[in-house]
Protein backbone atom coordinates (compact mmCIF):
# COMPACT_ATOMS: atom_id res chain seq x y z
CA MET A 1 168.19 112.25 95.44
CA ILE A 2 166.96 110.27 98.45
CA PRO A 3 165.15 112.55 100.91
CA ASP A 4 166.18 112.42 104.55
CA CYS A 5 162.62 111.49 105.48
CA VAL A 6 159.10 112.35 104.36
CA PHE A 7 156.27 113.08 106.77
CA TYR A 8 153.46 115.57 107.17
CA ASN A 9 153.73 118.53 109.51
CA ASP A 10 150.46 120.42 109.73
CA PRO A 11 151.27 124.09 109.04
CA THR A 12 148.31 125.18 111.18
CA THR A 13 150.03 123.75 114.25
CA GLY A 14 153.51 125.07 113.51
CA GLY A 15 154.63 122.35 111.12
CA GLY A 16 156.23 122.65 107.72
CA ASN A 17 158.32 120.95 105.06
CA TRP A 18 161.39 120.06 107.07
CA ASN A 19 163.53 117.04 106.28
CA GLU A 20 162.25 116.56 102.74
CA ARG A 21 164.50 119.53 101.88
CA ASN A 22 167.73 117.57 102.20
CA SER A 23 169.24 114.13 101.86
CA LYS A 24 171.61 112.36 104.29
CA PRO A 25 175.19 111.08 103.92
CA PRO A 26 175.67 108.38 101.24
CA LEU A 27 175.64 105.20 103.32
CA ALA A 28 173.04 103.22 101.36
CA ALA A 29 175.52 101.06 99.40
CA TRP A 30 177.18 100.05 102.67
CA ALA A 31 173.79 99.10 104.12
CA VAL A 32 172.74 97.14 101.03
CA LEU A 33 175.99 95.18 100.96
CA GLU A 34 175.65 94.34 104.65
CA VAL A 35 172.13 93.03 104.02
CA TYR A 36 173.46 90.90 101.14
CA ARG A 37 176.30 89.51 103.25
CA ARG A 38 173.78 88.24 105.76
CA GLY A 39 171.10 87.02 103.38
CA GLY A 40 172.95 86.17 100.17
CA ASP A 41 170.13 87.39 97.90
CA ARG A 42 171.88 88.40 94.68
CA GLY A 43 168.56 89.43 93.19
CA PHE A 44 168.39 92.11 95.86
CA LEU A 45 171.78 93.41 94.69
CA ARG A 46 170.60 93.44 91.05
CA GLU A 47 167.54 95.44 92.05
CA MET A 48 169.44 97.94 94.17
CA TYR A 49 172.64 98.45 92.16
CA PRO A 50 171.24 100.86 89.52
CA LYS A 51 169.42 102.83 92.21
CA LEU A 52 172.56 103.09 94.34
CA SER A 53 174.60 104.12 91.30
CA ALA A 54 172.09 106.84 90.45
CA TYR A 55 172.17 108.16 94.01
CA HIS A 56 175.98 108.19 93.98
CA ASP A 57 176.04 110.09 90.68
CA TRP A 58 173.50 112.59 92.04
CA TRP A 59 176.03 113.85 94.59
CA TYR A 60 178.39 114.90 91.81
CA ARG A 61 175.63 116.33 89.63
CA ASP A 62 173.86 118.41 92.31
CA ARG A 63 176.39 118.75 95.14
CA ASP A 64 179.72 119.52 93.47
CA HIS A 65 179.51 123.24 92.85
CA ASP A 66 182.82 123.72 91.05
CA ARG A 67 182.99 120.24 89.45
CA ASN A 68 186.35 119.50 91.09
CA GLY A 69 185.34 116.07 92.37
CA LEU A 70 184.82 117.20 95.98
CA ALA A 71 181.20 117.35 97.08
CA GLU A 72 179.41 119.67 99.48
CA TYR A 73 176.36 119.23 101.66
CA GLY A 74 173.44 121.19 100.29
CA ALA A 75 169.72 121.73 99.95
CA THR A 76 167.09 121.19 97.27
CA LEU A 77 165.12 123.80 95.39
CA ASP A 78 162.07 123.94 97.62
CA ALA A 79 159.71 126.51 99.06
CA GLY A 80 161.12 125.57 102.45
CA ASN A 81 164.57 126.65 101.22
CA ALA A 82 163.40 130.04 99.96
CA THR A 83 166.13 132.00 101.75
CA ALA A 84 169.86 131.45 102.06
CA GLU A 85 169.38 130.81 105.78
CA ASP A 86 166.73 128.16 105.08
CA ALA A 87 169.08 126.45 102.64
CA ARG A 88 172.01 126.65 105.07
CA GLN A 89 169.93 124.96 107.75
CA ALA A 90 168.79 122.19 105.40
CA ALA A 91 172.36 121.64 104.23
CA ALA A 92 173.52 121.30 107.83
CA TRP A 93 170.76 118.76 108.40
CA GLU A 94 171.94 116.86 105.34
CA SER A 95 175.16 116.09 107.20
CA GLY A 96 173.26 114.51 110.07
CA MET A 97 175.13 116.86 112.45
CA ASP A 98 172.58 119.69 112.36
CA ASN A 99 173.83 122.56 114.53
CA ALA A 100 177.54 121.69 114.46
CA PRO A 101 179.73 124.84 114.68
CA ARG A 102 181.24 124.17 111.27
CA PHE A 103 177.81 124.97 109.79
CA ASP A 104 177.16 128.08 111.88
CA ALA A 105 176.31 131.20 109.90
CA ALA A 106 177.98 133.28 112.61
CA LEU A 107 181.26 131.51 111.80
CA GLY A 108 181.01 132.29 108.12
CA THR A 109 179.06 129.39 106.65
CA THR A 110 177.27 130.46 103.47
CA VAL A 111 175.41 128.80 100.58
CA VAL A 112 176.08 129.03 96.85
CA GLY A 113 173.69 128.18 94.03
CA ASN A 114 174.19 125.17 91.76
CA GLU A 115 173.05 124.71 88.18
CA ALA A 116 172.46 121.82 85.80
CA PRO A 117 174.61 121.70 82.63
CA ASP A 118 171.87 123.59 80.76
CA GLY A 119 171.93 126.40 83.35
CA THR A 120 168.77 125.36 85.19
CA PRO A 121 169.05 126.00 88.96
CA VAL A 122 169.02 122.68 90.82
CA CYS A 123 169.98 123.34 94.45
CA GLY A 124 172.37 125.09 96.77
CA SER A 125 175.62 123.88 98.30
CA LEU A 126 177.45 125.01 101.38
CA ALA A 127 180.51 127.02 100.38
CA GLN A 128 182.74 124.37 101.98
CA GLN A 129 183.81 120.90 100.98
CA SER A 130 183.13 118.54 103.87
CA THR A 131 185.73 115.99 104.91
CA ASP A 132 183.16 113.51 106.21
CA LEU A 133 181.02 113.66 103.08
CA ASN A 134 183.96 113.03 100.77
CA ALA A 135 185.27 110.22 102.97
CA TYR A 136 181.79 108.69 102.87
CA LEU A 137 181.88 108.97 99.07
CA VAL A 138 185.20 107.11 98.97
CA ALA A 139 183.60 104.29 100.93
CA ASP A 140 180.47 104.47 98.77
CA LYS A 141 182.56 103.96 95.64
CA LEU A 142 184.24 100.93 97.18
CA TYR A 143 180.98 99.35 98.33
CA LEU A 144 179.46 100.01 94.90
CA ALA A 145 182.54 98.42 93.33
CA ASP A 146 182.08 95.32 95.48
CA ILE A 147 178.42 95.10 94.45
CA ALA A 148 179.31 95.61 90.79
CA ALA A 149 181.93 92.85 90.96
CA LEU A 150 179.46 90.46 92.60
CA LEU A 151 177.09 91.12 89.70
CA GLY A 152 179.82 90.54 87.11
CA HIS A 153 180.25 94.21 86.16
CA GLN A 154 184.05 94.20 86.27
CA GLY A 155 184.60 97.37 84.21
CA PRO A 156 182.49 99.61 86.47
CA ALA A 157 184.06 97.96 89.52
CA ARG A 158 187.56 98.87 88.31
CA ARG A 159 186.52 102.45 87.52
CA LEU A 160 184.92 102.91 90.94
CA ARG A 161 188.00 101.60 92.74
CA ALA A 162 190.25 103.91 90.74
CA GLN A 163 187.97 106.85 91.56
CA ALA A 164 188.01 105.89 95.24
CA ALA A 165 191.82 105.83 95.26
CA GLY A 166 192.00 109.28 93.67
CA LEU A 167 189.42 110.84 95.97
CA GLY A 168 191.10 109.27 98.99
CA ARG A 169 194.39 110.90 98.03
CA THR A 170 192.68 114.27 97.70
CA VAL A 171 191.08 113.97 101.15
CA ARG A 172 194.45 113.01 102.68
CA ASP A 173 196.38 115.73 100.90
CA THR A 174 193.97 118.66 101.17
CA MET A 175 191.78 118.07 104.24
CA TYR A 176 194.24 116.81 106.85
CA ASP A 177 195.96 119.56 108.81
CA PRO A 178 199.30 118.50 110.38
CA GLY A 179 199.22 121.43 112.79
CA THR A 180 195.98 120.33 114.44
CA GLY A 181 196.35 116.61 113.74
CA TRP A 182 192.83 116.53 112.33
CA PHE A 183 190.74 116.42 109.16
CA HIS A 184 188.82 119.62 108.40
CA ASP A 185 186.36 120.91 105.82
CA THR A 186 187.88 123.16 103.17
CA ASP A 187 186.77 126.50 101.79
CA LEU A 188 185.06 126.11 98.42
CA ALA A 189 186.67 129.18 96.87
CA THR A 190 190.23 128.94 98.18
CA GLY A 191 190.65 125.31 99.24
CA ALA A 192 191.95 126.47 102.63
CA ARG A 193 191.31 124.16 105.57
CA LEU A 194 188.73 125.65 107.96
CA THR A 195 190.71 125.01 111.10
CA GLY A 196 189.35 128.06 112.94
CA ARG A 197 186.11 126.25 113.68
CA GLY A 198 187.96 123.71 115.80
CA ARG A 199 188.05 119.94 115.69
CA GLY A 200 184.72 118.30 114.95
CA VAL A 201 183.77 114.64 114.94
CA GLU A 202 183.59 114.79 111.13
CA GLY A 203 187.39 114.41 111.26
CA VAL A 204 186.99 110.80 112.41
CA VAL A 205 185.11 109.62 109.31
CA PRO A 206 188.26 109.34 107.12
CA LEU A 207 189.40 106.62 109.53
CA TRP A 208 186.13 104.70 109.21
CA ALA A 209 186.35 105.00 105.42
CA GLY A 210 189.95 103.74 105.34
CA VAL A 211 191.12 107.01 103.81
CA ALA A 212 193.58 108.24 106.46
CA SER A 213 197.25 107.35 106.29
CA ALA A 214 198.73 105.47 109.24
CA ARG A 215 200.30 108.67 110.59
CA GLN A 216 197.09 110.65 110.17
CA ALA A 217 195.04 107.91 111.82
CA ALA A 218 197.41 107.80 114.79
CA ALA A 219 197.09 111.56 115.31
CA VAL A 220 193.28 111.44 115.15
CA ARG A 221 193.18 108.42 117.46
CA ALA A 222 195.32 110.22 120.04
CA ARG A 223 192.82 113.05 120.18
CA LEU A 224 189.88 110.66 120.37
CA LEU A 225 191.43 109.15 123.50
CA ASP A 226 192.39 112.48 125.10
CA PRO A 227 190.02 113.62 127.92
CA ALA A 228 190.76 117.22 126.94
CA GLU A 229 189.52 116.51 123.41
CA PHE A 230 186.99 113.75 122.64
CA ALA A 231 187.25 111.31 125.56
CA THR A 232 184.68 113.24 127.56
CA ARG A 233 182.31 111.81 130.16
CA LEU A 234 179.93 111.08 127.27
CA PRO A 235 182.58 110.14 124.69
CA VAL A 236 182.96 111.53 121.18
CA PRO A 237 180.97 114.79 121.32
CA SER A 238 180.22 116.72 118.13
CA VAL A 239 183.15 119.05 118.81
CA ALA A 240 186.25 118.63 120.91
CA ARG A 241 186.20 119.73 124.53
CA SER A 242 189.11 122.04 123.67
CA SER A 243 186.96 123.90 121.16
CA PRO A 244 185.64 127.34 122.17
CA TYR A 245 182.30 126.14 120.76
CA PHE A 246 182.05 123.05 122.96
CA ASP A 247 178.76 123.17 124.90
CA PRO A 248 178.02 120.14 127.10
CA GLU A 249 174.50 121.37 127.79
CA GLY A 250 173.62 122.57 124.31
CA TYR A 251 172.26 120.98 121.16
């Protein structure tokens, strides 16, 4: 697990253990490959590849509650995550979107406990599978595959690309809602798309990751360019202007 950030907040002045309680979306392999493309240091790739692989595997070990191959944002076992509300907040922070309506307790967001194979508690996950996180993981597999191939690890590269293709199909088939023309998180227990929370910017990430079909991408793009949706005065807000939770003056 790579912590979001580590710093000291003096408890006597209102500080506490904040962002050490959560990670951030898996974008490190992308960043490492971009550095390599500019510098050409293959030794850097050799150093980073096992670390990136371990981080990628961590998502499925500690953030896939039902072991179905779809990950959830979550929170570590930590004194700062002592209550379900603490853990929910940290899990929302893990997404990088913080107070987005899709993570609002008032809208039904809850946390479930995760365990290691031996039954040891390891963390908590949100009870929803996030479309952005799983699209990021598709991209992460592909970037890791590119790094593996550059290092001569052809077997792992093939496996990662096959995994990326399978996960991409799942995101397309289960997280895209034709009625709203958008990608949505899905309920952990039922698999139902959580469309009632409106369109959030997380639905754009499957386009960045190359996951969306051409028809899906066209529908999302149309809403990105619609002034009643995401083409606001300050473009691409966290939630669509049409959402009942849109707040241009809020956080």
